[in-house]
Amino acid sequence: MKKYVFIINAHPDDLIGTAGLALILAGNAGYELKIVDFSRGERGLAHQNVPMAECAAMRTIEEKNACALLGVEPIFLDEIDGEISAPRETCEELAALFRQFPPCAVFTHWPVDRHIDHVMTGAATLNALRIAQLKPEVFFHHQTPQTLNMPFLHYIGFGERIMQKKCELIRHYVCQNGDHLADRKLCEGRFLGFKAQMPYAEAYGSYQLAGESSAFFGSLPRVTE
């Protein structure tokens, strides 16, 4: 039986924080990924005076193209970029997904990120799990430069093949300057890889108590390619 893993983001391009892990899981027949975006990134091009509806359409296509590399169709909720909150309706909608596909692990935003949309997405995710009465392992992904002072408790390391596929995925976010994002994540991956004693790595925080082992990370095979 497949194990469900949810990656829950505020905006379409937030998937870059877990792209390496997502690629590893997508290539493992024992797992099924669920990608959930609270918004469609409607205000992502406000500085260029692009209307919200037009921006949302662009970023929806970009997210679908990126997720296609994972063999996943993203799920969008009805929150608005820049106005994300944790109303009962949204939490219930997410809880229904959790009940339908009970996760072994959930990845979302660090609760004290600098971006308030990230904070509210993380809060709504935890509330949805409470409503669904489920207690999977919960982890927080790292979003440069929004995530500050998050203790890195888990690393997932990988080699050149996964890193190049991660950069390919990131470049689908054209309107958010995907080339720049890919270059930044390449450098970040090398730095975290040094700490993990791997060519590249991603780092994660955890909702578990410090020092508590992770069944999820403990079960992942070591990826060197």
C-alpha atoms as a PDB file:
ATOM      1  CA  MET A   1       0.000   0.000   0.000  1.00  0.00           C
ATOM      2  CA  LYS A   2       1.328   3.442  -0.963  1.00  0.00           C
ATOM      3  CA  LYS A   3       2.124   6.013   1.695  1.00  0.00           C
ATOM      4  CA  TYR A   4       0.717   9.504   1.106  1.00  0.00           C
ATOM      5  CA  VAL A   5       2.954  12.540   1.573  1.00  0.00           C
ATOM      6  CA  PHE A   6       1.494  16.060   1.433  1.00  0.00           C
ATOM      7  CA  ILE A   7       3.491  19.150   0.461  1.00  0.00           C
ATOM      8  CA  ILE A   8       1.387  22.182   1.384  1.00  0.00           C
ATOM      9  CA  ASN A   9       2.402  25.624   0.141  1.00  0.00           C
ATOM     10  CA  ALA A  10       1.080  29.153   0.194  1.00  0.00           C
ATOM     11  CA  HIS A  11       2.074  29.971  -3.405  1.00  0.00           C
ATOM     12  CA  PRO A  12       2.841  27.945  -6.545  1.00  0.00           C
ATOM     13  CA  ASP A  13       6.619  28.440  -6.576  1.00  0.00           C
ATOM     14  CA  ASP A  14       6.995  27.506  -2.885  1.00  0.00           C
ATOM     15  CA  LEU A  15       7.408  23.930  -4.094  1.00  0.00           C
ATOM     16  CA  ILE A  16      11.085  24.734  -4.697  1.00  0.00           C
ATOM     17  CA  GLY A  17      11.691  24.308  -0.953  1.00  0.00           C
ATOM     18  CA  THR A  18      10.953  20.582  -1.205  1.00  0.00           C
ATOM     19  CA  ALA A  19      11.653  19.904  -4.892  1.00  0.00           C
ATOM     20  CA  GLY A  20      14.571  17.544  -4.269  1.00  0.00           C
ATOM     21  CA  LEU A  21      12.610  15.479  -1.778  1.00  0.00           C
ATOM     22  CA  ALA A  22       9.562  15.541  -4.073  1.00  0.00           C
ATOM     23  CA  LEU A  23      11.626  14.198  -6.971  1.00  0.00           C
ATOM     24  CA  ILE A  24      12.993  11.403  -4.795  1.00  0.00           C
ATOM     25  CA  LEU A  25       9.511  10.429  -3.602  1.00  0.00           C
ATOM     26  CA  ALA A  26       8.061  10.672  -7.126  1.00  0.00           C
ATOM     27  CA  GLY A  27      10.572   8.060  -8.219  1.00  0.00           C
ATOM     28  CA  ASN A  28       9.658   5.718  -5.357  1.00  0.00           C
ATOM     29  CA  ALA A  29       6.703   3.430  -5.995  1.00  0.00           C
ATOM     30  CA  GLY A  30       5.991   3.225  -2.274  1.00  0.00           C
ATOM     31  CA  TYR A  31       4.887   6.865  -2.019  1.00  0.00           C
ATOM     32  CA  GLU A  32       2.207   9.071  -3.556  1.00  0.00           C
ATOM     33  CA  LEU A  33       2.638  12.839  -3.486  1.00  0.00           C
ATOM     34  CA  LYS A  34      -0.126  15.374  -2.927  1.00  0.00           C
ATOM     35  CA  ILE A  35       0.807  18.992  -3.745  1.00  0.00           C
ATOM     36  CA  VAL A  36      -1.571  21.587  -2.279  1.00  0.00           C
ATOM     37  CA  ASP A  37      -1.345  25.350  -2.923  1.00  0.00           C
ATOM     38  CA  PHE A  38      -3.431  27.700  -0.791  1.00  0.00           C
ATOM     39  CA  SER A  39      -3.341  30.390  -3.500  1.00  0.00           C
ATOM     40  CA  ARG A  40      -2.497  30.767  -7.174  1.00  0.00           C
ATOM     41  CA  GLY A  41       0.047  33.528  -6.530  1.00  0.00           C
ATOM     42  CA  GLU A  42      -2.291  36.265  -7.751  1.00  0.00           C
ATOM     43  CA  ARG A  43      -0.089  39.150  -6.600  1.00  0.00           C
ATOM     44  CA  GLY A  44       3.231  37.720  -7.763  1.00  0.00           C
ATOM     45  CA  LEU A  45       3.555  40.275 -10.585  1.00  0.00           C
ATOM     46  CA  ALA A  46       1.969  43.274  -8.897  1.00  0.00           C
ATOM     47  CA  HIS A  47       5.272  45.154  -9.202  1.00  0.00           C
ATOM     48  CA  GLN A  48       4.870  44.860 -12.989  1.00  0.00           C
ATOM     49  CA  ASN A  49       1.223  45.995 -12.853  1.00  0.00           C
ATOM     50  CA  VAL A  50      -0.010  42.610 -14.095  1.00  0.00           C
ATOM     51  CA  PRO A  51      -3.690  42.118 -13.133  1.00  0.00           C
ATOM     52  CA  MET A  52      -4.311  39.494 -10.463  1.00  0.00           C
ATOM     53  CA  ALA A  53      -6.434  37.251 -12.685  1.00  0.00           C
ATOM     54  CA  GLU A  54      -3.806  37.246 -15.439  1.00  0.00           C
ATOM     55  CA  CYS A  55      -1.023  36.539 -12.958  1.00  0.00           C
ATOM     56  CA  ALA A  56      -3.020  33.711 -11.371  1.00  0.00           C
ATOM     57  CA  ALA A  57      -3.544  32.098 -14.769  1.00  0.00           C
ATOM     58  CA  MET A  58       0.174  32.304 -15.593  1.00  0.00           C
ATOM     59  CA  ARG A  59       1.298  30.896 -12.276  1.00  0.00           C
ATOM     60  CA  THR A  60      -1.287  28.110 -12.353  1.00  0.00           C
ATOM     61  CA  ILE A  61       0.116  26.927 -15.695  1.00  0.00           C
ATOM     62  CA  GLU A  62       3.680  27.167 -14.373  1.00  0.00           C
ATOM     63  CA  GLU A  63       2.776  25.118 -11.299  1.00  0.00           C
ATOM     64  CA  LYS A  64       1.068  22.444 -13.377  1.00  0.00           C
ATOM     65  CA  ASN A  65       4.084  22.217 -15.670  1.00  0.00           C
ATOM     66  CA  ALA A  66       6.460  21.911 -12.710  1.00  0.00           C
ATOM     67  CA  CYS A  67       4.295  19.296 -10.991  1.00  0.00           C
ATOM     68  CA  ALA A  68       4.084  17.330 -14.240  1.00  0.00           C
ATOM     69  CA  LEU A  69       7.765  16.467 -13.724  1.00  0.00           C
ATOM     70  CA  LEU A  70       6.618  14.723 -10.546  1.00  0.00           C
ATOM     71  CA  GLY A  71       3.636  13.041 -12.177  1.00  0.00           C
ATOM     72  CA  VAL A  72       1.337  15.069  -9.901  1.00  0.00           C
ATOM     73  CA  GLU A  73      -1.664  17.325 -10.536  1.00  0.00           C
ATOM     74  CA  PRO A  74      -1.575  20.186  -7.997  1.00  0.00           C
ATOM     75  CA  ILE A  75      -4.603  20.943  -5.825  1.00  0.00           C
ATOM     76  CA  PHE A  76      -5.539  24.613  -5.367  1.00  0.00           C
ATOM     77  CA  LEU A  77      -7.558  25.980  -2.462  1.00  0.00           C
ATOM     78  CA  ASP A  78      -9.492  29.248  -2.617  1.00  0.00           C
ATOM     79  CA  GLU A  79      -7.258  31.591  -0.636  1.00  0.00           C
ATOM     80  CA  ILE A  80      -5.825  34.751  -2.234  1.00  0.00           C
ATOM     81  CA  ASP A  81      -2.130  35.617  -2.439  1.00  0.00           C
ATOM     82  CA  GLY A  82      -1.425  38.327   0.142  1.00  0.00           C
ATOM     83  CA  GLU A  83      -4.664  37.595   2.020  1.00  0.00           C
ATOM     84  CA  ILE A  84      -4.181  33.970   3.092  1.00  0.00           C
ATOM     85  CA  SER A  85      -5.758  33.157   6.451  1.00  0.00           C
ATOM     86  CA  ALA A  86      -6.969  30.061   8.269  1.00  0.00           C
ATOM     87  CA  PRO A  87     -10.781  30.201   8.129  1.00  0.00           C
ATOM     88  CA  ARG A  88     -12.800  27.191   9.185  1.00  0.00           C
ATOM     89  CA  GLU A  89     -13.907  26.532   5.584  1.00  0.00           C
ATOM     90  CA  THR A  90     -10.356  26.249   4.268  1.00  0.00           C
ATOM     91  CA  CYS A  91      -9.240  24.104   7.198  1.00  0.00           C
ATOM     92  CA  GLU A  92     -12.235  21.800   6.659  1.00  0.00           C
ATOM     93  CA  GLU A  93     -11.426  21.496   2.948  1.00  0.00           C
ATOM     94  CA  LEU A  94      -7.851  20.512   3.723  1.00  0.00           C
ATOM     95  CA  ALA A  95      -9.002  18.166   6.495  1.00  0.00           C
ATOM     96  CA  ALA A  96     -11.241  16.384   3.977  1.00  0.00           C
ATOM     97  CA  LEU A  97      -8.185  15.763   1.780  1.00  0.00           C
ATOM     98  CA  PHE A  98      -6.305  14.396   4.769  1.00  0.00           C
ATOM     99  CA  ARG A  99      -9.157  12.022   5.555  1.00  0.00           C
ATOM    100  CA  GLN A 100      -9.348  10.866   1.936  1.00  0.00           C
ATOM    101  CA  PHE A 101      -5.579  10.339   1.686  1.00  0.00           C
ATOM    102  CA  PRO A 102      -4.271   9.817   5.248  1.00  0.00           C
ATOM    103  CA  PRO A 103      -0.670  11.068   5.173  1.00  0.00           C
ATOM    104  CA  CYS A 104       2.354   9.503   6.792  1.00  0.00           C
ATOM    105  CA  ALA A 105       4.116  12.877   6.522  1.00  0.00           C
ATOM    106  CA  VAL A 106       3.138  16.495   5.860  1.00  0.00           C
ATOM    107  CA  PHE A 107       5.510  19.265   4.754  1.00  0.00           C
ATOM    108  CA  THR A 108       4.509  22.903   5.083  1.00  0.00           C
ATOM    109  CA  HIS A 109       5.831  26.354   6.032  1.00  0.00           C
ATOM    110  CA  TRP A 110       7.750  27.225   9.179  1.00  0.00           C
ATOM    111  CA  PRO A 111       5.185  28.829  11.543  1.00  0.00           C
ATOM    112  CA  VAL A 112       7.239  31.993  12.093  1.00  0.00           C
ATOM    113  CA  ASP A 113       8.348  32.679   8.521  1.00  0.00           C
ATOM    114  CA  ARG A 114       8.682  36.343   7.625  1.00  0.00           C
ATOM    115  CA  HIS A 115       5.923  35.964   5.000  1.00  0.00           C
ATOM    116  CA  ILE A 116       2.511  36.100   6.701  1.00  0.00           C
ATOM    117  CA  ASP A 117       0.990  33.919   3.952  1.00  0.00           C
ATOM    118  CA  HIS A 118       3.444  31.204   4.974  1.00  0.00           C
ATOM    119  CA  VAL A 119       2.555  31.614   8.648  1.00  0.00           C
ATOM    120  CA  MET A 120      -1.169  31.280   7.982  1.00  0.00           C
ATOM    121  CA  THR A 121      -0.685  28.303   5.660  1.00  0.00           C
ATOM    122  CA  GLY A 122       1.285  26.499   8.352  1.00  0.00           C
ATOM    123  CA  ALA A 123      -1.367  27.317  10.974  1.00  0.00           C
ATOM    124  CA  ALA A 124      -4.209  26.145   8.739  1.00  0.00           C
ATOM    125  CA  THR A 125      -2.348  22.913   7.994  1.00  0.00           C
ATOM    126  CA  LEU A 126      -1.926  22.115  11.690  1.00  0.00           C
ATOM    127  CA  ASN A 127      -5.563  22.987  12.358  1.00  0.00           C
ATOM    128  CA  ALA A 128      -6.735  20.789   9.471  1.00  0.00           C
ATOM    129  CA  LEU A 129      -4.824  17.857  10.948  1.00  0.00           C
ATOM    130  CA  ARG A 130      -6.522  18.528  14.284  1.00  0.00           C
ATOM    131  CA  ILE A 131      -9.946  18.592  12.609  1.00  0.00           C
ATOM    132  CA  ALA A 132      -9.174  15.388  10.708  1.00  0.00           C
ATOM    133  CA  GLN A 133      -7.931  13.810  13.970  1.00  0.00           C
ATOM    134  CA  LEU A 134      -4.739  12.634  12.286  1.00  0.00           C
ATOM    135  CA  LYS A 135      -1.205  12.789  13.645  1.00  0.00           C
ATOM    136  CA  PRO A 136       1.312  12.212  10.851  1.00  0.00           C
ATOM    137  CA  GLU A 137       4.855  13.481  11.127  1.00  0.00           C
ATOM    138  CA  VAL A 138       4.954  17.200  10.282  1.00  0.00           C
ATOM    139  CA  PHE A 139       7.991  18.935   8.814  1.00  0.00           C
ATOM    140  CA  PHE A 140       8.800  22.487   7.771  1.00  0.00           C
ATOM    141  CA  HIS A 141      10.639  23.370   4.591  1.00  0.00           C
ATOM    142  CA  HIS A 142      13.201  26.093   4.150  1.00  0.00           C
ATOM    143  CA  GLN A 143      12.274  29.106   2.000  1.00  0.00           C
ATOM    144  CA  THR A 144      15.162  31.498   1.436  1.00  0.00           C
ATOM    145  CA  PRO A 145      15.014  34.381   2.441  1.00  0.00           C
ATOM    146  CA  GLN A 146      11.715  34.025   4.335  1.00  0.00           C
ATOM    147  CA  THR A 147      12.654  31.269   6.785  1.00  0.00           C
ATOM    148  CA  LEU A 148      14.794  32.577   9.625  1.00  0.00           C
ATOM    149  CA  ASN A 149      16.123  30.815  12.720  1.00  0.00           C
ATOM    150  CA  MET A 150      14.599  27.430  11.897  1.00  0.00           C
ATOM    151  CA  PRO A 151      16.565  24.559  13.488  1.00  0.00           C
ATOM    152  CA  PHE A 152      17.578  22.103  10.781  1.00  0.00           C
ATOM    153  CA  LEU A 153      16.732  18.716  12.302  1.00  0.00           C
ATOM    154  CA  HIS A 154      16.647  16.595   9.135  1.00  0.00           C
ATOM    155  CA  TYR A 155      18.594  16.573   5.878  1.00  0.00           C
ATOM    156  CA  ILE A 156      17.807  14.768   2.645  1.00  0.00           C
ATOM    157  CA  GLY A 157      20.911  14.399   0.529  1.00  0.00           C
ATOM    158  CA  PHE A 158      21.193  13.641  -3.178  1.00  0.00           C
ATOM    159  CA  GLY A 159      23.525  13.764  -6.126  1.00  0.00           C
ATOM    160  CA  GLU A 160      23.914  15.549  -9.447  1.00  0.00           C
ATOM    161  CA  ARG A 161      20.973  13.887 -11.245  1.00  0.00           C
ATOM    162  CA  ILE A 162      18.376  14.968  -8.681  1.00  0.00           C
ATOM    163  CA  MET A 163      19.900  18.440  -8.406  1.00  0.00           C
ATOM    164  CA  GLN A 164      19.710  18.975 -12.157  1.00  0.00           C
ATOM    165  CA  LYS A 165      16.103  17.783 -12.242  1.00  0.00           C
ATOM    166  CA  LYS A 166      15.352  20.133  -9.352  1.00  0.00           C
ATOM    167  CA  CYS A 167      16.806  23.042 -11.329  1.00  0.00           C
ATOM    168  CA  GLU A 168      14.729  21.971 -14.346  1.00  0.00           C
ATOM    169  CA  LEU A 169      11.593  22.015 -12.191  1.00  0.00           C
ATOM    170  CA  ILE A 170      12.412  25.420 -10.715  1.00  0.00           C
ATOM    171  CA  ARG A 171      12.934  26.965 -14.175  1.00  0.00           C
ATOM    172  CA  HIS A 172       9.270  26.337 -14.953  1.00  0.00           C
ATOM    173  CA  TYR A 173       8.494  29.300 -12.674  1.00  0.00           C
ATOM    174  CA  VAL A 174       9.335  31.725 -15.440  1.00  0.00           C
ATOM    175  CA  CYS A 175       7.400  34.740 -14.159  1.00  0.00           C
ATOM    176  CA  GLN A 176       9.187  34.460 -10.805  1.00  0.00           C
ATOM    177  CA  ASN A 177      12.604  34.457 -12.536  1.00  0.00           C
ATOM    178  CA  GLY A 178      13.113  30.722 -12.498  1.00  0.00           C
ATOM    179  CA  ASP A 179      16.707  30.935 -13.751  1.00  0.00           C
ATOM    180  CA  HIS A 180      17.666  33.099 -10.764  1.00  0.00           C
ATOM    181  CA  LEU A 181      15.820  30.787  -8.362  1.00  0.00           C
ATOM    182  CA  ALA A 182      17.545  27.736  -9.815  1.00  0.00           C
ATOM    183  CA  ASP A 183      21.001  29.322  -9.461  1.00  0.00           C
ATOM    184  CA  ARG A 184      20.257  30.290  -5.866  1.00  0.00           C
ATOM    185  CA  LYS A 185      19.007  26.811  -4.985  1.00  0.00           C
ATOM    186  CA  LEU A 186      22.044  25.241  -6.638  1.00  0.00           C
ATOM    187  CA  CYS A 187      24.358  27.221  -4.345  1.00  0.00           C
ATOM    188  CA  GLU A 188      22.157  26.543  -1.341  1.00  0.00           C
ATOM    189  CA  GLY A 189      22.063  22.831  -2.191  1.00  0.00           C
ATOM    190  CA  ARG A 190      25.865  22.679  -2.212  1.00  0.00           C
ATOM    191  CA  PHE A 191      26.095  24.404   1.170  1.00  0.00           C
ATOM    192  CA  LEU A 192      23.507  22.124   2.779  1.00  0.00           C
ATOM    193  CA  GLY A 193      25.125  19.144   1.073  1.00  0.00           C
ATOM    194  CA  PHE A 194      28.400  20.005   2.811  1.00  0.00           C
ATOM    195  CA  LYS A 195      26.595  19.883   6.155  1.00  0.00           C
ATOM    196  CA  ALA A 196      24.920  16.589   5.224  1.00  0.00           C
ATOM    197  CA  GLN A 197      28.131  15.111   3.787  1.00  0.00           C
ATOM    198  CA  MET A 198      26.471  14.728   0.390  1.00  0.00           C
ATOM    199  CA  PRO A 199      26.951  16.558  -2.949  1.00  0.00           C
ATOM    200  CA  TYR A 200      23.639  18.417  -2.382  1.00  0.00           C
ATOM    201  CA  ALA A 201      20.921  18.474   0.260  1.00  0.00           C
ATOM    202  CA  GLU A 202      17.725  20.072   1.525  1.00  0.00           C
ATOM    203  CA  ALA A 203      17.160  20.832   5.212  1.00  0.00           C
ATOM    204  CA  TYR A 204      13.969  20.581   7.231  1.00  0.00           C
ATOM    205  CA  GLY A 205      12.576  21.580  10.588  1.00  0.00           C
ATOM    206  CA  SER A 206      10.227  19.340  12.524  1.00  0.00           C
ATOM    207  CA  TYR A 207       7.084  19.539  14.646  1.00  0.00           C
ATOM    208  CA  GLN A 208       8.460  16.700  16.755  1.00  0.00           C
ATOM    209  CA  LEU A 209      10.293  17.121  20.023  1.00  0.00           C
ATOM    210  CA  ALA A 210      14.012  17.782  19.739  1.00  0.00           C
ATOM    211  CA  GLY A 211      15.938  14.524  19.702  1.00  0.00           C
ATOM    212  CA  GLU A 212      12.917  12.456  18.692  1.00  0.00           C
ATOM    213  CA  SER A 213      13.683  10.148  15.769  1.00  0.00           C
ATOM    214  CA  SER A 214      11.709  10.333  12.522  1.00  0.00           C
ATOM    215  CA  ALA A 215      10.141   7.186  11.122  1.00  0.00           C
ATOM    216  CA  PHE A 216       9.646   8.960   7.789  1.00  0.00           C
ATOM    217  CA  PHE A 217      13.209  10.192   7.296  1.00  0.00           C
ATOM    218  CA  GLY A 218      14.531   6.987   8.796  1.00  0.00           C
ATOM    219  CA  SER A 219      12.755   4.954   6.117  1.00  0.00           C
ATOM    220  CA  LEU A 220      14.008   6.947   3.122  1.00  0.00           C
ATOM    221  CA  PRO A 221      16.732   5.231   1.094  1.00  0.00           C
ATOM    222  CA  ARG A 222      20.045   7.039   0.756  1.00  0.00           C
ATOM    223  CA  VAL A 223      20.136   8.693  -2.664  1.00  0.00           C
ATOM    224  CA  THR A 224      23.559   9.330  -4.163  1.00  0.00           C
ATOM    225  CA  GLU A 225      22.783   9.882  -7.843  1.00  0.00           C
END
